[in-house]
Amino acid sequence: MNALDITEPIPKEKRKLVNTEKLAIEYEVSREYVDMIMRGDRDPNTPKAKAIKEKAIKIIEAIESL
C-alpha cells in the first residue's frame, strides 16, 4: 500500500472510498469543494482545505487497512 501525500491528488479509485457529502457537511463546504481538493484542482493551502484532505486520507487508509 502506497502512502498518500497531502500535496498530491488522490487517485480516482481511492477517492471513491470517501463519502464527500459527509465531509462537506462536517466542514460546512460544498461537495464540489471537497472533490476539488481531493482531485488536486484546489491546493490544500488553507487550514480547512488541509483538514479536509487529511481526513480523506485517514478514511482511505483506514478502509484499506481492513
PDB file of N, CA and C in Angstrom:
ATOM      1  N   MET A   1       0.851  -1.185   0.000  1.00  0.00           N
ATOM      2  CA  MET A   1       0.000   0.000   0.000  1.00  0.00           C
ATOM      3  C   MET A   1       0.888   1.236   0.000  1.00  0.00           C
ATOM      4  N   ASN A   2       0.680   2.126  -0.960  1.00  0.00           N
ATOM      5  CA  ASN A   2       1.439   3.362  -1.029  1.00  0.00           C
ATOM      6  C   ASN A   2       0.785   4.410  -0.140  1.00  0.00           C
ATOM      7  N   ALA A   3       1.633   5.126   0.607  1.00  0.00           N
ATOM      8  CA  ALA A   3       1.109   6.180   1.464  1.00  0.00           C
ATOM      9  C   ALA A   3       0.667   7.358   0.598  1.00  0.00           C
ATOM     10  N   LEU A   4      -0.441   7.946   0.949  1.00  0.00           N
ATOM     11  CA  LEU A   4      -0.933   9.112   0.226  1.00  0.00           C
ATOM     12  C   LEU A   4      -0.269  10.362   0.776  1.00  0.00           C
ATOM     13  N   ASP A   5       0.009  11.295  -0.112  1.00  0.00           N
ATOM     14  CA  ASP A   5       0.679  12.539   0.250  1.00  0.00           C
ATOM     15  C   ASP A   5      -0.334  13.679   0.150  1.00  0.00           C
ATOM     16  N   ILE A   6      -0.355  14.519   1.153  1.00  0.00           N
ATOM     17  CA  ILE A   6      -1.325  15.625   1.171  1.00  0.00           C
ATOM     18  C   ILE A   6      -1.108  16.586   0.009  1.00  0.00           C
ATOM     19  N   THR A   7       0.095  16.629  -0.543  1.00  0.00           N
ATOM     20  CA  THR A   7       0.381  17.561  -1.640  1.00  0.00           C
ATOM     21  C   THR A   7       0.025  16.994  -3.011  1.00  0.00           C
ATOM     22  N   GLU A   8      -0.308  15.715  -3.088  1.00  0.00           N
ATOM     23  CA  GLU A   8      -0.610  15.061  -4.355  1.00  0.00           C
ATOM     24  C   GLU A   8      -2.114  14.792  -4.475  1.00  0.00           C
ATOM     25  N   PRO A   9      -2.634  14.793  -5.705  1.00  0.00           N
ATOM     26  CA  PRO A   9      -4.047  14.424  -5.887  1.00  0.00           C
ATOM     27  C   PRO A   9      -4.295  12.985  -5.422  1.00  0.00           C
ATOM     28  N   ILE A  10      -5.487  12.735  -4.933  1.00  0.00           N
ATOM     29  CA  ILE A  10      -5.858  11.380  -4.529  1.00  0.00           C
ATOM     30  C   ILE A  10      -6.339  10.650  -5.778  1.00  0.00           C
ATOM     31  N   PRO A  11      -5.781   9.475  -6.065  1.00  0.00           N
ATOM     32  CA  PRO A  11      -6.200   8.729  -7.260  1.00  0.00           C
ATOM     33  C   PRO A  11      -7.706   8.443  -7.253  1.00  0.00           C
ATOM     34  N   LYS A  12      -8.291   8.414  -8.438  1.00  0.00           N
ATOM     35  CA  LYS A  12      -9.741   8.252  -8.599  1.00  0.00           C
ATOM     36  C   LYS A  12     -10.277   7.026  -7.870  1.00  0.00           C
ATOM     37  N   GLU A  13      -9.573   5.884  -7.993  1.00  0.00           N
ATOM     38  CA  GLU A  13     -10.067   4.661  -7.350  1.00  0.00           C
ATOM     39  C   GLU A  13     -10.080   4.782  -5.826  1.00  0.00           C
ATOM     40  N   LYS A  14      -9.213   5.608  -5.275  1.00  0.00           N
ATOM     41  CA  LYS A  14      -9.188   5.812  -3.832  1.00  0.00           C
ATOM     42  C   LYS A  14     -10.212   6.863  -3.407  1.00  0.00           C
ATOM     43  N   ARG A  15     -10.445   7.858  -4.257  1.00  0.00           N
ATOM     44  CA  ARG A  15     -11.450   8.889  -3.949  1.00  0.00           C
ATOM     45  C   ARG A  15     -12.831   8.277  -3.786  1.00  0.00           C
ATOM     46  N   LYS A  16     -13.092   7.187  -4.496  1.00  0.00           N
ATOM     47  CA  LYS A  16     -14.398   6.530  -4.423  1.00  0.00           C
ATOM     48  C   LYS A  16     -14.688   5.968  -3.032  1.00  0.00           C
ATOM     49  N   LEU A  17     -13.661   5.789  -2.216  1.00  0.00           N
ATOM     50  CA  LEU A  17     -13.827   5.238  -0.872  1.00  0.00           C
ATOM     51  C   LEU A  17     -14.350   6.282   0.124  1.00  0.00           C
ATOM     52  N   VAL A  18     -14.302   7.548  -0.268  1.00  0.00           N
ATOM     53  CA  VAL A  18     -14.647   8.642   0.649  1.00  0.00           C
ATOM     54  C   VAL A  18     -16.031   9.194   0.323  1.00  0.00           C
ATOM     55  N   ASN A  19     -16.860   9.343   1.342  1.00  0.00           N
ATOM     56  CA  ASN A  19     -18.178   9.956   1.200  1.00  0.00           C
ATOM     57  C   ASN A  19     -17.986  11.472   1.252  1.00  0.00           C
ATOM     58  N   THR A  20     -17.888  12.084   0.071  1.00  0.00           N
ATOM     59  CA  THR A  20     -17.603  13.517   0.014  1.00  0.00           C
ATOM     60  C   THR A  20     -18.735  14.360   0.587  1.00  0.00           C
ATOM     61  N   GLU A  21     -19.956  13.858   0.497  1.00  0.00           N
ATOM     62  CA  GLU A  21     -21.098  14.600   1.043  1.00  0.00           C
ATOM     63  C   GLU A  21     -20.958  14.756   2.559  1.00  0.00           C
ATOM     64  N   LYS A  22     -20.554  13.680   3.236  1.00  0.00           N
ATOM     65  CA  LYS A  22     -20.392  13.758   4.697  1.00  0.00           C
ATOM     66  C   LYS A  22     -19.246  14.689   5.086  1.00  0.00           C
ATOM     67  N   LEU A  23     -18.152  14.649   4.326  1.00  0.00           N
ATOM     68  CA  LEU A  23     -17.045  15.571   4.601  1.00  0.00           C
ATOM     69  C   LEU A  23     -17.501  17.012   4.389  1.00  0.00           C
ATOM     70  N   ALA A  24     -18.263  17.245   3.339  1.00  0.00           N
ATOM     71  CA  ALA A  24     -18.757  18.594   3.053  1.00  0.00           C
ATOM     72  C   ALA A  24     -19.626  19.113   4.195  1.00  0.00           C
ATOM     73  N   ILE A  25     -20.486  18.259   4.700  1.00  0.00           N
ATOM     74  CA  ILE A  25     -21.344  18.660   5.820  1.00  0.00           C
ATOM     75  C   ILE A  25     -20.506  18.923   7.068  1.00  0.00           C
ATOM     76  N   GLU A  26     -19.567  18.021   7.349  1.00  0.00           N
ATOM     77  CA  GLU A  26     -18.725  18.170   8.543  1.00  0.00           C
ATOM     78  C   GLU A  26     -17.943  19.482   8.530  1.00  0.00           C
ATOM     79  N   TYR A  27     -17.428  19.855   7.368  1.00  0.00           N
ATOM     80  CA  TYR A  27     -16.592  21.062   7.275  1.00  0.00           C
ATOM     81  C   TYR A  27     -17.350  22.279   6.751  1.00  0.00           C
ATOM     82  N   GLU A  28     -18.672  22.139   6.552  1.00  0.00           N
ATOM     83  CA  GLU A  28     -19.537  23.240   6.117  1.00  0.00           C
ATOM     84  C   GLU A  28     -19.050  23.869   4.816  1.00  0.00           C
ATOM     85  N   VAL A  29     -18.800  22.996   3.841  1.00  0.00           N
ATOM     86  CA  VAL A  29     -18.404  23.421   2.499  1.00  0.00           C
ATOM     87  C   VAL A  29     -19.227  22.627   1.494  1.00  0.00           C
ATOM     88  N   SER A  30     -19.068  22.949   0.224  1.00  0.00           N
ATOM     89  CA  SER A  30     -19.808  22.209  -0.797  1.00  0.00           C
ATOM     90  C   SER A  30     -19.113  20.882  -1.103  1.00  0.00           C
ATOM     91  N   ARG A  31     -19.887  19.949  -1.627  1.00  0.00           N
ATOM     92  CA  ARG A  31     -19.322  18.666  -2.033  1.00  0.00           C
ATOM     93  C   ARG A  31     -18.313  18.884  -3.153  1.00  0.00           C
ATOM     94  N   GLU A  32     -18.604  19.820  -4.033  1.00  0.00           N
ATOM     95  CA  GLU A  32     -17.688  20.126  -5.142  1.00  0.00           C
ATOM     96  C   GLU A  32     -16.340  20.627  -4.617  1.00  0.00           C
ATOM     97  N   TYR A  33     -16.359  21.419  -3.559  1.00  0.00           N
ATOM     98  CA  TYR A  33     -15.115  21.903  -2.956  1.00  0.00           C
ATOM     99  C   TYR A  33     -14.287  20.724  -2.438  1.00  0.00           C
ATOM    100  N   VAL A  34     -14.937  19.780  -1.773  1.00  0.00           N
ATOM    101  CA  VAL A  34     -14.252  18.585  -1.283  1.00  0.00           C
ATOM    102  C   VAL A  34     -13.674  17.801  -2.465  1.00  0.00           C
ATOM    103  N   ASP A  35     -14.469  17.640  -3.516  1.00  0.00           N
ATOM    104  CA  ASP A  35     -13.994  16.944  -4.717  1.00  0.00           C
ATOM    105  C   ASP A  35     -12.777  17.643  -5.320  1.00  0.00           C
ATOM    106  N   MET A  36     -12.822  18.958  -5.400  1.00  0.00           N
ATOM    107  CA  MET A  36     -11.699  19.717  -5.972  1.00  0.00           C
ATOM    108  C   MET A  36     -10.423  19.509  -5.166  1.00  0.00           C
ATOM    109  N   ILE A  37     -10.544  19.490  -3.857  1.00  0.00           N
ATOM    110  CA  ILE A  37      -9.374  19.273  -3.000  1.00  0.00           C
ATOM    111  C   ILE A  37      -8.817  17.876  -3.223  1.00  0.00           C
ATOM    112  N   MET A  38      -9.692  16.891  -3.268  1.00  0.00           N
ATOM    113  CA  MET A  38      -9.234  15.511  -3.428  1.00  0.00           C
ATOM    114  C   MET A  38      -8.641  15.256  -4.808  1.00  0.00           C
ATOM    115  N   ARG A  39      -9.207  15.886  -5.857  1.00  0.00           N
ATOM    116  CA  ARG A  39      -8.686  15.719  -7.222  1.00  0.00           C
ATOM    117  C   ARG A  39      -7.373  16.466  -7.429  1.00  0.00           C
ATOM    118  N   GLY A  40      -7.102  17.443  -6.571  1.00  0.00           N
ATOM    119  CA  GLY A  40      -5.904  18.254  -6.741  1.00  0.00           C
ATOM    120  C   GLY A  40      -6.156  19.517  -7.537  1.00  0.00           C
ATOM    121  N   ASP A  41      -7.431  19.804  -7.849  1.00  0.00           N
ATOM    122  CA  ASP A  41      -7.769  21.040  -8.557  1.00  0.00           C
ATOM    123  C   ASP A  41      -7.643  22.252  -7.634  1.00  0.00           C
ATOM    124  N   ARG A  42      -7.688  22.004  -6.348  1.00  0.00           N
ATOM    125  CA  ARG A  42      -7.572  23.053  -5.326  1.00  0.00           C
ATOM    126  C   ARG A  42      -6.520  22.600  -4.343  1.00  0.00           C
ATOM    127  N   ASP A  43      -5.465  23.400  -4.181  1.00  0.00           N
ATOM    128  CA  ASP A  43      -4.404  23.041  -3.243  1.00  0.00           C
ATOM    129  C   ASP A  43      -4.901  23.162  -1.807  1.00  0.00           C
ATOM    130  N   PRO A  44      -4.456  22.252  -0.937  1.00  0.00           N
ATOM    131  CA  PRO A  44      -4.839  22.347   0.481  1.00  0.00           C
ATOM    132  C   PRO A  44      -3.975  23.392   1.196  1.00  0.00           C
ATOM    133  N   ASN A  45      -4.149  24.668   0.818  1.00  0.00           N
ATOM    134  CA  ASN A  45      -3.296  25.719   1.362  1.00  0.00           C
ATOM    135  C   ASN A  45      -3.989  26.573   2.418  1.00  0.00           C
ATOM    136  N   THR A  46      -5.176  26.161   2.839  1.00  0.00           N
ATOM    137  CA  THR A  46      -5.844  26.820   3.961  1.00  0.00           C
ATOM    138  C   THR A  46      -6.035  25.767   5.053  1.00  0.00           C
ATOM    139  N   PRO A  47      -6.202  26.194   6.288  1.00  0.00           N
ATOM    140  CA  PRO A  47      -6.400  25.207   7.358  1.00  0.00           C
ATOM    141  C   PRO A  47      -7.581  24.269   7.101  1.00  0.00           C
ATOM    142  N   LYS A  48      -8.688  24.795   6.570  1.00  0.00           N
ATOM    143  CA  LYS A  48      -9.865  23.961   6.320  1.00  0.00           C
ATOM    144  C   LYS A  48      -9.583  22.966   5.190  1.00  0.00           C
ATOM    145  N   ALA A  49      -8.981  23.432   4.107  1.00  0.00           N
ATOM    146  CA  ALA A  49      -8.673  22.551   2.977  1.00  0.00           C
ATOM    147  C   ALA A  49      -7.685  21.457   3.402  1.00  0.00           C
ATOM    148  N   LYS A  50      -6.709  21.832   4.193  1.00  0.00           N
ATOM    149  CA  LYS A  50      -5.728  20.858   4.691  1.00  0.00           C
ATOM    150  C   LYS A  50      -6.419  19.816   5.572  1.00  0.00           C
ATOM    151  N   ALA A  51      -7.318  20.265   6.441  1.00  0.00           N
ATOM    152  CA  ALA A  51      -8.031  19.344   7.329  1.00  0.00           C
ATOM    153  C   ALA A  51      -8.899  18.371   6.526  1.00  0.00           C
ATOM    154  N   ILE A  52      -9.556  18.877   5.482  1.00  0.00           N
ATOM    155  CA  ILE A  52     -10.394  18.021   4.642  1.00  0.00           C
ATOM    156  C   ILE A  52      -9.539  16.958   3.968  1.00  0.00           C
ATOM    157  N   LYS A  53      -8.418  17.356   3.395  1.00  0.00           N
ATOM    158  CA  LYS A  53      -7.541  16.406   2.691  1.00  0.00           C
ATOM    159  C   LYS A  53      -6.974  15.382   3.667  1.00  0.00           C
ATOM    160  N   GLU A  54      -6.544  15.827   4.844  1.00  0.00           N
ATOM    161  CA  GLU A  54      -6.003  14.901   5.856  1.00  0.00           C
ATOM    162  C   GLU A  54      -7.067  13.899   6.297  1.00  0.00           C
ATOM    163  N   LYS A  55      -8.294  14.367   6.483  1.00  0.00           N
ATOM    164  CA  LYS A  55      -9.387  13.483   6.902  1.00  0.00           C
ATOM    165  C   LYS A  55      -9.683  12.455   5.811  1.00  0.00           C
ATOM    166  N   ALA A  56      -9.716  12.900   4.559  1.00  0.00           N
ATOM    167  CA  ALA A  56      -9.960  11.978   3.447  1.00  0.00           C
ATOM    168  C   ALA A  56      -8.871  10.906   3.392  1.00  0.00           C
ATOM    169  N   ILE A  57      -7.632  11.305   3.578  1.00  0.00           N
ATOM    170  CA  ILE A  57      -6.518  10.350   3.562  1.00  0.00           C
ATOM    171  C   ILE A  57      -6.651   9.361   4.716  1.00  0.00           C
ATOM    172  N   LYS A  58      -7.027   9.835   5.891  1.00  0.00           N
ATOM    173  CA  LYS A  58      -7.208   8.942   7.046  1.00  0.00           C
ATOM    174  C   LYS A  58      -8.325   7.931   6.784  1.00  0.00           C
ATOM    175  N   ILE A  59      -9.407   8.384   6.160  1.00  0.00           N
ATOM    176  CA  ILE A  59     -10.522   7.485   5.844  1.00  0.00           C
ATOM    177  C   ILE A  59     -10.054   6.401   4.877  1.00  0.00           C
ATOM    178  N   ILE A  60      -9.366   6.809   3.835  1.00  0.00           N
ATOM    179  CA  ILE A  60      -8.866   5.852   2.838  1.00  0.00           C
ATOM    180  C   ILE A  60      -7.919   4.849   3.478  1.00  0.00           C
ATOM    181  N   GLU A  61      -6.985   5.329   4.267  1.00  0.00           N
ATOM    182  CA  GLU A  61      -6.019   4.432   4.919  1.00  0.00           C
ATOM    183  C   GLU A  61      -6.718   3.466   5.874  1.00  0.00           C
ATOM    184  N   ALA A  62      -7.747   3.942   6.571  1.00  0.00           N
ATOM    185  CA  ALA A  62      -8.480   3.057   7.496  1.00  0.00           C
ATOM    186  C   ALA A  62      -9.211   1.957   6.724  1.00  0.00           C
ATOM    187  N   ILE A  63      -9.854   2.319   5.649  1.00  0.00           N
ATOM    188  CA  ILE A  63     -10.580   1.334   4.847  1.00  0.00           C
ATOM    189  C   ILE A  63      -9.612   0.328   4.229  1.00  0.00           C
ATOM    190  N   GLU A  64      -8.495   0.810   3.708  1.00  0.00           N
ATOM    191  CA  GLU A  64      -7.530  -0.088   3.064  1.00  0.00           C
ATOM    192  C   GLU A  64      -6.836  -1.013   4.060  1.00  0.00           C
ATOM    193  N   SER A  65      -6.830  -0.637   5.333  1.00  0.00           N
ATOM    194  CA  SER A  65      -6.154  -1.480   6.339  1.00  0.00           C
ATOM    195  C   SER A  65      -7.018  -2.653   6.777  1.00  0.00           C
ATOM    196  N   LEU A  66      -8.297  -2.660   6.386  1.00  0.00           N
ATOM    197  CA  LEU A  66      -9.202  -3.742   6.785  1.00  0.00           C
ATOM    198  C   LEU A  66      -8.872  -5.043   6.079  1.00  0.00           C
TER     199      LEU A  66
END
